C-alpha atoms as a PDB file:
ATOM      1  CA  MET A   1     -11.386  -6.576  -5.590  1.00  0.00           C
ATOM      2  CA  ILE A   2      -8.560  -8.012  -3.460  1.00  0.00           C
ATOM      3  CA  LEU A   3      -9.436  -8.296   0.199  1.00  0.00           C
ATOM      4  CA  ASN A   4      -6.498  -7.710   2.543  1.00  0.00           C
ATOM      5  CA  VAL A   5      -7.091  -9.648   5.811  1.00  0.00           C
ATOM      6  CA  SER A   6      -5.246  -7.589   7.087  1.00  0.00           C
ATOM      7  CA  GLY A   7      -2.332  -5.230   7.143  1.00  0.00           C
ATOM      8  CA  ARG A   8      -3.839  -3.133   9.983  1.00  0.00           C
ATOM      9  CA  THR A   9      -4.226  -5.928  12.482  1.00  0.00           C
ATOM     10  CA  ASP A  10      -4.039  -9.755  12.745  1.00  0.00           C
ATOM     11  CA  VAL A  11      -7.543 -10.672  11.972  1.00  0.00           C
ATOM     12  CA  VAL A  12      -6.716 -14.368  11.500  1.00  0.00           C
ATOM     13  CA  ALA A  13      -4.929 -14.694  14.774  1.00  0.00           C
ATOM     14  CA  PHE A  14      -7.555 -12.925  16.997  1.00  0.00           C
ATOM     15  CA  TYR A  15     -10.772 -12.341  15.083  1.00  0.00           C
ATOM     16  CA  THR A  16     -11.349 -15.410  12.891  1.00  0.00           C
ATOM     17  CA  PRO A  17     -14.887 -16.149  14.341  1.00  0.00           C
ATOM     18  CA  TRP A  18     -15.880 -12.620  13.371  1.00  0.00           C
ATOM     19  CA  PHE A  19     -14.501 -13.012   9.862  1.00  0.00           C
ATOM     20  CA  LEU A  20     -16.294 -16.349   9.362  1.00  0.00           C
ATOM     21  CA  ASN A  21     -19.587 -14.775  10.550  1.00  0.00           C
ATOM     22  CA  ARG A  22     -19.126 -11.960   7.973  1.00  0.00           C
ATOM     23  CA  LEU A  23     -18.312 -14.556   5.284  1.00  0.00           C
ATOM     24  CA  LYS A  24     -21.576 -16.375   6.115  1.00  0.00           C
ATOM     25  CA  GLU A  25     -23.586 -13.137   6.099  1.00  0.00           C
ATOM     26  CA  GLY A  26     -21.992 -12.107   2.833  1.00  0.00           C
ATOM     27  CA  PHE A  27     -20.671  -8.644   3.631  1.00  0.00           C
ATOM     28  CA  ILE A  28     -18.264  -6.592   5.836  1.00  0.00           C
ATOM     29  CA  ASP A  29     -18.504  -3.048   7.053  1.00  0.00           C
ATOM     30  CA  VAL A  30     -15.230  -1.156   7.329  1.00  0.00           C
ATOM     31  CA  ARG A  31     -15.016   2.201   9.063  1.00  0.00           C
ATOM     32  CA  ASN A  32     -12.717   4.836   7.393  1.00  0.00           C
ATOM     33  CA  PRO A  33      -9.830   5.355   9.785  1.00  0.00           C
ATOM     34  CA  PHE A  34      -9.688   9.107   8.866  1.00  0.00           C
ATOM     35  CA  VAL A  35     -13.387   9.933   8.424  1.00  0.00           C
ATOM     36  CA  LYS A  36     -15.165   8.152  11.228  1.00  0.00           C
ATOM     37  CA  THR A  37     -18.718   8.493   9.927  1.00  0.00           C
ATOM     38  CA  GLN A  38     -17.820   6.992   6.493  1.00  0.00           C
ATOM     39  CA  VAL A  39     -18.252   3.276   6.223  1.00  0.00           C
ATOM     40  CA  SER A  40     -17.459   1.093   3.232  1.00  0.00           C
ATOM     41  CA  ARG A  41     -19.664  -1.962   2.796  1.00  0.00           C
ATOM     42  CA  ILE A  42     -17.924  -4.834   0.950  1.00  0.00           C
ATOM     43  CA  TYR A  43     -19.907  -7.753  -0.513  1.00  0.00           C
ATOM     44  CA  PHE A  44     -18.009 -10.976  -0.822  1.00  0.00           C
ATOM     45  CA  LYS A  45     -19.581 -11.507  -4.187  1.00  0.00           C
ATOM     46  CA  ASP A  46     -17.375  -8.545  -5.421  1.00  0.00           C
ATOM     47  CA  VAL A  47     -14.203 -10.110  -3.929  1.00  0.00           C
ATOM     48  CA  ASP A  48     -11.901 -11.778  -6.455  1.00  0.00           C
ATOM     49  CA  LEU A  49      -9.066 -12.786  -4.146  1.00  0.00           C
ATOM     50  CA  ILE A  50      -8.338 -12.950  -0.441  1.00  0.00           C
ATOM     51  CA  LEU A  51      -4.884 -12.206   1.004  1.00  0.00           C
ATOM     52  CA  PHE A  52      -4.466 -13.427   4.537  1.00  0.00           C
ATOM     53  CA  CYS A  53      -1.662 -11.732   6.377  1.00  0.00           C
ATOM     54  CA  THR A  54      -0.906 -13.241   9.843  1.00  0.00           C
ATOM     55  CA  LYS A  55       1.542 -14.329  12.434  1.00  0.00           C
ATOM     56  CA  ASN A  56      -0.696 -17.243  13.484  1.00  0.00           C
ATOM     57  CA  PRO A  57      -2.685 -19.015  10.787  1.00  0.00           C
ATOM     58  CA  ILE A  58      -3.885 -21.760  13.174  1.00  0.00           C
ATOM     59  CA  PRO A  59      -7.343 -20.425  13.930  1.00  0.00           C
ATOM     60  CA  ILE A  60      -8.482 -20.253  10.285  1.00  0.00           C
ATOM     61  CA  GLU A  61      -6.649 -23.336   9.040  1.00  0.00           C
ATOM     62  CA  LYS A  62      -9.510 -25.835   9.294  1.00  0.00           C
ATOM     63  CA  HIS A  63     -11.936 -23.390   7.668  1.00  0.00           C
ATOM     64  CA  LEU A  64      -9.944 -22.724   4.504  1.00  0.00           C
ATOM     65  CA  LYS A  65     -11.610 -25.429   2.424  1.00  0.00           C
ATOM     66  CA  ASP A  66     -14.941 -23.730   2.987  1.00  0.00           C
ATOM     67  CA  ILE A  67     -13.823 -20.366   1.576  1.00  0.00           C
ATOM     68  CA  ASN A  68     -14.861 -20.399  -2.050  1.00  0.00           C
ATOM     69  CA  LYS A  69     -12.369 -17.718  -3.207  1.00  0.00           C
ATOM     70  CA  PRO A  70      -8.731 -17.823  -4.406  1.00  0.00           C
ATOM     71  CA  ILE A  71      -6.390 -17.366  -1.417  1.00  0.00           C
ATOM     72  CA  ILE A  72      -2.894 -16.185  -0.905  1.00  0.00           C
ATOM     73  CA  PHE A  73      -1.220 -16.544   2.508  1.00  0.00           C
ATOM     74  CA  HIS A  74       1.509 -14.319   3.957  1.00  0.00           C
ATOM     75  CA  VAL A  75       2.637 -15.803   7.254  1.00  0.00           C
ATOM     76  CA  THR A  76       5.165 -13.816   9.196  1.00  0.00           C
ATOM     77  CA  ILE A  77       7.648 -15.872  11.096  1.00  0.00           C
ATOM     78  CA  THR A  78      10.391 -13.974  12.948  1.00  0.00           C
ATOM     79  CA  PRO A  79      13.125 -15.262  15.294  1.00  0.00           C
ATOM     80  CA  TYR A  80      12.333 -12.981  18.174  1.00  0.00           C
ATOM     81  CA  ASN A  81      11.286 -14.049  21.630  1.00  0.00           C
ATOM     82  CA  LYS A  82       8.700 -12.757  24.169  1.00  0.00           C
ATOM     83  CA  ASP A  83      10.846  -9.714  24.918  1.00  0.00           C
ATOM     84  CA  LEU A  84       9.821  -8.264  21.511  1.00  0.00           C
ATOM     85  CA  GLU A  85       6.716 -10.338  20.651  1.00  0.00           C
ATOM     86  CA  ILE A  86       4.577 -10.457  23.771  1.00  0.00           C
ATOM     87  CA  ASN A  87       1.743 -12.670  22.663  1.00  0.00           C
ATOM     88  CA  VAL A  88       2.909 -14.484  19.516  1.00  0.00           C
ATOM     89  CA  ALA A  89       2.148 -18.166  19.499  1.00  0.00           C
ATOM     90  CA  SER A  90       4.741 -20.910  19.549  1.00  0.00           C
ATOM     91  CA  LYS A  91       6.841 -20.806  16.398  1.00  0.00           C
ATOM     92  CA  THR A  92       6.932 -24.614  16.205  1.00  0.00           C
ATOM     93  CA  GLU A  93       3.111 -24.727  16.170  1.00  0.00           C
ATOM     94  CA  ILE A  94       2.953 -21.989  13.535  1.00  0.00           C
ATOM     95  CA  ILE A  95       5.436 -23.848  11.326  1.00  0.00           C
ATOM     96  CA  ASN A  96       3.473 -27.014  11.619  1.00  0.00           C
ATOM     97  CA  SER A  97       0.352 -25.094  10.596  1.00  0.00           C
ATOM     98  CA  VAL A  98       2.139 -23.599   7.630  1.00  0.00           C
ATOM     99  CA  LYS A  99       3.066 -27.081   6.456  1.00  0.00           C
ATOM    100  CA  ARG A 100      -0.546 -28.166   6.565  1.00  0.00           C
ATOM    101  CA  ILE A 101      -1.780 -24.973   4.886  1.00  0.00           C
ATOM    102  CA  SER A 102       0.680 -25.473   2.094  1.00  0.00           C
ATOM    103  CA  LYS A 103      -1.166 -28.697   1.164  1.00  0.00           C
ATOM    104  CA  ILE A 104      -4.544 -26.888   1.208  1.00  0.00           C
ATOM    105  CA  VAL A 105      -3.800 -23.666  -0.730  1.00  0.00           C
ATOM    106  CA  GLY A 106      -0.773 -24.859  -2.693  1.00  0.00           C
ATOM    107  CA  ILE A 107       2.907 -24.148  -2.372  1.00  0.00           C
ATOM    108  CA  ASP A 108       2.737 -21.260  -4.978  1.00  0.00           C
ATOM    109  CA  ASN A 109       0.146 -19.398  -2.899  1.00  0.00           C
ATOM    110  CA  LEU A 110       2.034 -19.426   0.392  1.00  0.00           C
ATOM    111  CA  TYR A 111       4.653 -16.806   1.303  1.00  0.00           C
ATOM    112  CA  ILE A 112       6.739 -16.572   4.444  1.00  0.00           C
ATOM    113  CA  ARG A 113       7.617 -13.165   5.653  1.00  0.00           C
ATOM    114  CA  TYR A 114      10.891 -12.870   7.693  1.00  0.00           C
ATOM    115  CA  ASP A 115       9.910  -9.333   8.649  1.00  0.00           C
ATOM    116  CA  PRO A 116      11.264  -7.061   9.977  1.00  0.00           C
ATOM    117  CA  ILE A 117      14.933  -7.690  10.415  1.00  0.00           C
ATOM    118  CA  LEU A 118      16.361  -5.662  13.238  1.00  0.00           C
ATOM    119  CA  LYS A 119      19.776  -5.659  14.777  1.00  0.00           C
ATOM    120  CA  ASN A 120      20.851  -5.339  18.487  1.00  0.00           C
ATOM    121  CA  LYS A 121      23.198  -7.063  20.848  1.00  0.00           C
ATOM    122  CA  LYS A 122      20.903 -10.007  21.303  1.00  0.00           C
ATOM    123  CA  TYR A 123      19.562 -10.282  17.732  1.00  0.00           C
ATOM    124  CA  ASN A 124      22.805  -9.854  15.868  1.00  0.00           C
ATOM    125  CA  ILE A 125      23.803 -10.878  12.394  1.00  0.00           C
ATOM    126  CA  GLU A 126      24.866 -14.346  13.366  1.00  0.00           C
ATOM    127  CA  TYR A 127      21.569 -14.848  15.203  1.00  0.00           C
ATOM    128  CA  HIS A 128      19.605 -14.002  12.113  1.00  0.00           C
ATOM    129  CA  LYS A 129      21.744 -16.236   9.905  1.00  0.00           C
ATOM    130  CA  LYS A 130      21.185 -19.243  12.200  1.00  0.00           C
ATOM    131  CA  ALA A 131      17.463 -18.511  12.555  1.00  0.00           C
ATOM    132  CA  PHE A 132      16.896 -18.119   8.791  1.00  0.00           C
ATOM    133  CA  ASN A 133      18.828 -21.323   8.024  1.00  0.00           C
ATOM    134  CA  LYS A 134      16.653 -23.276  10.539  1.00  0.00           C
ATOM    135  CA  LEU A 135      13.456 -21.803   9.165  1.00  0.00           C
ATOM    136  CA  CYS A 136      14.249 -22.690   5.527  1.00  0.00           C
ATOM    137  CA  ASN A 137      15.376 -26.196   6.483  1.00  0.00           C
ATOM    138  CA  LEU A 138      12.131 -26.799   8.286  1.00  0.00           C
ATOM    139  CA  LEU A 139       9.973 -25.406   5.541  1.00  0.00           C
ATOM    140  CA  ASN A 140      11.834 -27.024   2.541  1.00  0.00           C
ATOM    141  CA  GLY A 141       9.230 -28.575   0.237  1.00  0.00           C
ATOM    142  CA  TYR A 142       6.356 -26.579   1.782  1.00  0.00           C
ATOM    143  CA  VAL A 143       7.278 -22.970   0.835  1.00  0.00           C
ATOM    144  CA  LYS A 144       8.903 -21.476  -2.241  1.00  0.00           C
ATOM    145  CA  ASN A 145       8.894 -17.756  -1.515  1.00  0.00           C
ATOM    146  CA  ILE A 146      10.409 -15.789   1.341  1.00  0.00           C
ATOM    147  CA  ILE A 147       9.826 -12.054   1.717  1.00  0.00           C
ATOM    148  CA  VAL A 148      12.231 -10.015   3.743  1.00  0.00           C
ATOM    149  CA  SER A 149      12.056  -6.453   5.039  1.00  0.00           C
ATOM    150  CA  PHE A 150      14.101  -4.292   7.469  1.00  0.00           C
ATOM    151  CA  ILE A 151      12.860  -2.363  10.398  1.00  0.00           C
ATOM    152  CA  ASP A 152      11.531   1.186   9.871  1.00  0.00           C
ATOM    153  CA  ASP A 153      11.276   3.982  12.328  1.00  0.00           C
ATOM    154  CA  TYR A 154       7.579   3.818  13.105  1.00  0.00           C
ATOM    155  CA  LYS A 155       5.952   5.579  16.046  1.00  0.00           C
ATOM    156  CA  ASN A 156       5.877   2.391  18.017  1.00  0.00           C
ATOM    157  CA  VAL A 157       9.547   1.691  17.314  1.00  0.00           C
ATOM    158  CA  SER A 158      10.529   5.139  18.636  1.00  0.00           C
ATOM    159  CA  LYS A 159       8.351   4.619  21.735  1.00  0.00           C
ATOM    160  CA  ASN A 160      10.035   1.231  22.440  1.00  0.00           C
ATOM    161  CA  LYS A 161      13.544   2.255  21.677  1.00  0.00           C
ATOM    162  CA  ASP A 162      14.737   1.335  25.222  1.00  0.00           C
ATOM    163  CA  VAL A 163      13.452  -2.203  24.673  1.00  0.00           C
ATOM    164  CA  LEU A 164      14.522  -2.606  21.131  1.00  0.00           C
ATOM    165  CA  ASN A 165      18.076  -1.086  21.688  1.00  0.00           C
ATOM    166  CA  LEU A 166      18.512  -0.922  17.898  1.00  0.00           C
ATOM    167  CA  GLU A 167      21.828  -0.902  16.147  1.00  0.00           C
ATOM    168  CA  GLU A 168      22.026   0.537  12.702  1.00  0.00           C
ATOM    169  CA  LEU A 169      22.577  -1.939   9.899  1.00  0.00           C
ATOM    170  CA  THR A 170      25.759  -1.141   7.991  1.00  0.00           C
ATOM    171  CA  GLU A 171      26.461  -1.834   4.321  1.00  0.00           C
ATOM    172  CA  ASP A 172      28.612  -4.786   5.449  1.00  0.00           C
ATOM    173  CA  ASP A 173      25.616  -6.070   7.473  1.00  0.00           C
ATOM    174  CA  TYR A 174      23.340  -5.903   4.455  1.00  0.00           C
ATOM    175  CA  LYS A 175      25.888  -7.672   2.332  1.00  0.00           C
ATOM    176  CA  GLU A 176      26.457 -10.435   4.905  1.00  0.00           C
ATOM    177  CA  ILE A 177      22.790 -11.036   5.642  1.00  0.00           C
ATOM    178  CA  ASP A 178      21.564 -10.893   2.101  1.00  0.00           C
ATOM    179  CA  THR A 179      24.236 -13.008   0.588  1.00  0.00           C
ATOM    180  CA  TYR A 180      23.761 -15.645   3.158  1.00  0.00           C
ATOM    181  CA  PHE A 181      19.971 -15.534   2.937  1.00  0.00           C
ATOM    182  CA  SER A 182      20.119 -15.884  -0.842  1.00  0.00           C
ATOM    183  CA  LYS A 183      22.390 -18.880  -0.566  1.00  0.00           C
ATOM    184  CA  VAL A 184      20.343 -20.659   2.075  1.00  0.00           C
ATOM    185  CA  ALA A 185      17.094 -20.033   0.236  1.00  0.00           C
ATOM    186  CA  LYS A 186      18.521 -21.478  -2.950  1.00  0.00           C
ATOM    187  CA  GLN A 187      19.748 -24.505  -1.104  1.00  0.00           C
ATOM    188  CA  ASN A 188      16.197 -25.072   0.122  1.00  0.00           C
ATOM    189  CA  ASN A 189      14.533 -24.553  -3.291  1.00  0.00           C
ATOM    190  CA  MET A 190      13.196 -21.110  -2.346  1.00  0.00           C
ATOM    191  CA  THR A 191      13.514 -17.532  -3.628  1.00  0.00           C
ATOM    192  CA  VAL A 192      14.049 -14.515  -1.370  1.00  0.00           C
ATOM    193  CA  GLN A 193      12.862 -10.983  -2.096  1.00  0.00           C
ATOM    194  CA  THR A 194      12.295  -7.676  -0.360  1.00  0.00           C
ATOM    195  CA  CYS A 195       9.051  -5.943   0.296  1.00  0.00           C
ATOM    196  CA  SER A 196       8.687  -2.136  -0.238  1.00  0.00           C
ATOM    197  CA  GLU A 197      12.408  -1.626   0.224  1.00  0.00           C
ATOM    198  CA  GLU A 198      14.082   1.151  -1.762  1.00  0.00           C
ATOM    199  CA  LYS A 199      17.415  -0.630  -1.314  1.00  0.00           C
ATOM    200  CA  ASN A 200      18.189  -2.890  -4.338  1.00  0.00           C
ATOM    201  CA  LEU A 201      19.508  -6.164  -3.067  1.00  0.00           C
ATOM    202  CA  CYS A 202      19.564  -8.096  -6.431  1.00  0.00           C
ATOM    203  CA  GLU A 203      23.330  -7.852  -6.449  1.00  0.00           C
ATOM    204  CA  TYR A 204      23.280 -10.245  -3.411  1.00  0.00           C
ATOM    205  CA  GLY A 205      20.990 -12.762  -5.033  1.00  0.00           C
ATOM    206  CA  PHE A 206      17.552 -11.381  -4.054  1.00  0.00           C
ATOM    207  CA  ILE A 207      14.928 -11.362  -6.767  1.00  0.00           C
ATOM    208  CA  LYS A 208      13.074  -8.248  -7.764  1.00  0.00           C
ATOM    209  CA  ARG A 209       9.333  -8.960  -7.320  1.00  0.00           C
ATOM    210  CA  ASP A 210       6.290  -7.278  -5.801  1.00  0.00           C
ATOM    211  CA  CYS A 211       4.220  -9.047  -3.160  1.00  0.00           C
ATOM    212  CA  ILE A 212       0.992  -8.920  -5.099  1.00  0.00           C
ATOM    213  CA  SER A 213       1.825  -7.875  -8.647  1.00  0.00           C
ATOM    214  CA  ARG A 214      -0.544  -7.465 -11.545  1.00  0.00           C
ATOM    215  CA  ASN A 215       0.727 -10.731 -13.002  1.00  0.00           C
ATOM    216  CA  LEU A 216       0.055 -12.654  -9.798  1.00  0.00           C
ATOM    217  CA  ALA A 217      -3.444 -11.073  -9.539  1.00  0.00           C
ATOM    218  CA  PHE A 218      -4.183 -12.072 -13.089  1.00  0.00           C
ATOM    219  CA  LYS A 219      -2.855 -15.590 -12.431  1.00  0.00           C
ATOM    220  CA  MET A 220      -5.148 -15.996  -9.430  1.00  0.00           C
ATOM    221  CA  THR A 221      -8.261 -14.240 -10.789  1.00  0.00           C
ATOM    222  CA  GLY A 222      -8.132 -14.101 -14.577  1.00  0.00           C
ATOM    223  CA  LYS A 223      -8.666 -10.364 -14.405  1.00  0.00           C
ATOM    224  CA  THR A 224      -6.396  -7.576 -15.703  1.00  0.00           C
ATOM    225  CA  ASN A 225      -8.106  -4.461 -14.328  1.00  0.00           C
ATOM    226  CA  PHE A 226      -6.185  -4.160 -11.092  1.00  0.00           C
ATOM    227  CA  LYS A 227      -4.718  -0.695 -10.295  1.00  0.00           C
ATOM    228  CA  LEU A 228      -1.350  -0.068  -8.636  1.00  0.00           C
ATOM    229  CA  TRP A 229      -1.631   0.795  -4.910  1.00  0.00           C
ATOM    230  CA  LYS A 230      -1.177   4.603  -5.293  1.00  0.00           C
ATOM    231  CA  ALA A 231      -2.262   5.289  -1.713  1.00  0.00           C
ATOM    232  CA  ARG A 232       0.931   3.690  -0.333  1.00  0.00           C
ATOM    233  CA  LYS A 233       3.400   6.186   0.991  1.00  0.00           C
ATOM    234  CA  ASN A 234       6.343   4.070  -0.009  1.00  0.00           C
ATOM    235  CA  ASN A 235       7.115   4.646  -3.668  1.00  0.00           C
ATOM    236  CA  ALA A 236       9.109   1.335  -3.772  1.00  0.00           C
ATOM    237  CA  CYS A 237       5.805  -0.637  -3.451  1.00  0.00           C
ATOM    238  CA  LYS A 238       4.370  -1.634  -6.817  1.00  0.00           C
ATOM    239  CA  CYS A 239       1.672  -3.929  -5.556  1.00  0.00           C
ATOM    240  CA  VAL A 240      -1.869  -3.823  -6.842  1.00  0.00           C
ATOM    241  CA  GLU A 241      -4.549  -2.062  -4.869  1.00  0.00           C
ATOM    242  CA  MET A 242      -6.200  -3.983  -2.057  1.00  0.00           C
ATOM    243  CA  THR A 243      -9.046  -3.285   0.335  1.00  0.00           C
ATOM    244  CA  ASP A 244      -8.042  -3.740   3.948  1.00  0.00           C
ATOM    245  CA  ILE A 245     -10.739  -4.729   6.432  1.00  0.00           C
ATOM    246  CA  GLY A 246      -8.714  -4.221   9.588  1.00  0.00           C
ATOM    247  CA  VAL A 247      -8.483  -1.510  12.249  1.00  0.00           C
ATOM    248  CA  TYR A 248      -5.341   0.005  13.641  1.00  0.00           C
ATOM    249  CA  ASN A 249      -4.612  -0.448  17.357  1.00  0.00           C
ATOM    250  CA  THR A 250      -6.402  -3.797  17.664  1.00  0.00           C
ATOM    251  CA  CYS A 251      -3.675  -6.391  17.516  1.00  0.00           C
ATOM    252  CA  ASN A 252      -3.172  -8.350  20.721  1.00  0.00           C
ATOM    253  CA  HIS A 253       0.308  -9.605  19.729  1.00  0.00           C
ATOM    254  CA  PHE A 254       1.816  -6.358  21.135  1.00  0.00           C
ATOM    255  CA  CYS A 255       5.064  -6.678  19.138  1.00  0.00           C
ATOM    256  CA  LYS A 256       7.404  -3.876  20.083  1.00  0.00           C
ATOM    257  CA  TYR A 257       8.318  -3.002  16.523  1.00  0.00           C
ATOM    258  CA  CYS A 258       4.806  -3.016  15.082  1.00  0.00           C
ATOM    259  CA  TYR A 259       3.548  -0.174  12.777  1.00  0.00           C
ATOM    260  CA  ALA A 260      -0.157  -0.948  13.242  1.00  0.00           C
ATOM    261  CA  ASN A 261      -0.218  -0.624  17.019  1.00  0.00           C
ATOM    262  CA  PHE A 262       0.889   2.656  18.405  1.00  0.00           C
ATOM    263  CA  ASN A 263      -1.178   3.109  21.517  1.00  0.00           C
ATOM    264  CA  GLU A 264      -1.406   0.044  23.825  1.00  0.00           C
ATOM    265  CA  GLU A 265      -4.247   1.520  25.993  1.00  0.00           C
ATOM    266  CA  GLU A 266      -6.320   2.061  22.822  1.00  0.00           C
ATOM    267  CA  VAL A 267      -5.576  -1.474  21.746  1.00  0.00           C
ATOM    268  CA  LYS A 268      -6.963  -2.897  25.038  1.00  0.00           C
ATOM    269  CA  ASP A 269     -10.015  -0.587  24.790  1.00  0.00           C
ATOM    270  CA  ASN A 270     -10.672  -1.563  21.170  1.00  0.00           C
ATOM    271  CA  ILE A 271     -10.468  -5.327  22.000  1.00  0.00           C
ATOM    272  CA  LYS A 272     -13.221  -4.806  24.561  1.00  0.00           C
ATOM    273  CA  LYS A 273     -15.405  -3.124  21.908  1.00  0.00           C
ATOM    274  CA  HIS A 274     -15.069  -6.232  19.558  1.00  0.00           C
ATOM    275  CA  ASP A 275     -18.298  -8.111  19.023  1.00  0.00           C
ATOM    276  CA  PRO A 276     -18.012 -11.311  16.800  1.00  0.00           C
ATOM    277  CA  THR A 277     -21.596 -10.774  15.706  1.00  0.00           C
ATOM    278  CA  SER A 278     -21.124  -7.097  14.600  1.00  0.00           C
ATOM    279  CA  THR A 279     -20.879  -6.211  10.883  1.00  0.00           C
ATOM    280  CA  MET A 280     -17.605  -4.362  11.595  1.00  0.00           C
ATOM    281  CA  LEU A 281     -14.452  -5.444  13.436  1.00  0.00           C
ATOM    282  CA  ILE A 282     -14.642  -2.915  16.280  1.00  0.00           C
ATOM    283  CA  GLY A 283     -17.871  -1.512  17.589  1.00  0.00           C
ATOM    284  CA  HIS A 284     -21.162  -1.278  15.672  1.00  0.00           C
ATOM    285  CA  LEU A 285     -22.805   0.829  13.028  1.00  0.00           C
ATOM    286  CA  GLN A 286     -24.020   4.207  14.412  1.00  0.00           C
ATOM    287  CA  LYS A 287     -27.120   6.131  13.220  1.00  0.00           C
ATOM    288  CA  ASP A 288     -25.170   8.920  11.662  1.00  0.00           C
ATOM    289  CA  ASP A 289     -22.834   6.580   9.675  1.00  0.00           C
ATOM    290  CA  ILE A 290     -22.823   6.971   5.875  1.00  0.00           C
ATOM    291  CA  ILE A 291     -22.535   3.566   4.144  1.00  0.00           C
ATOM    292  CA  LYS A 292     -21.130   3.324   0.683  1.00  0.00           C
ATOM    293  CA  ILE A 293     -20.874   0.142  -1.328  1.00  0.00           C
ATOM    294  CA  ARG A 294     -17.191  -0.562  -2.187  1.00  0.00           C
ATOM    295  CA  LYS A 295     -16.535  -2.288  -5.510  1.00  0.00           C
END
């Protein structure tokens, strides 16, 4: 089993004490987001690999050496300011943390996500080119892989359209961004790829590779029985199946383009329900819950 920590919220940034408690206890309970009385119980003894996805790895950094599992890190570093990313930590501190983590988990197991790329009057093509160049220069020697994606029309994106003021990316924009990104990545001993994008950018120098492929899963775990992630709506995604322990509408970053938050009042309410000692991220087990062991 590959544990995704997490695509539904930023567990590392805001809930690391809870995660460490669960690691110590040996299991996690995850409520089904669609069937509320159904709970999956995951034992860490059944976990082969942990994928940490975060915008702020600092809270878990000093604990990594105590986690006796193979680890892959996806750290999202975008060039946006507080107008779009309300509570994201200092990018300088995050980059410094990434450098330290690279030495702990290894450069091959650390990926940077420049994700998502959006265009408006403030964050135009030139802005992205300068930001990407600076990011790659700072992380040269610490990171080998950059993953890029472009903004999608999620519910939260539509709700925040007056803040985002999005401009549509043209074919010329794609060509300019991708050709430049490929050149800069190569200059800094990095590769650049897309994530779940139907648009093929290989002609501009991007490599075609899935985030967590069967080959990567085998390399990290020695196992070959991982299935492709059929539950994903995006047919362009060919990653292996993972088990997400997060909960939607619980991320305190409040990014205006986020897919995992779509009701800010519910986010605030859920954060109040979080108990670091609970077996699950939000709330507690209820007497009518049906617990099934997930393997």
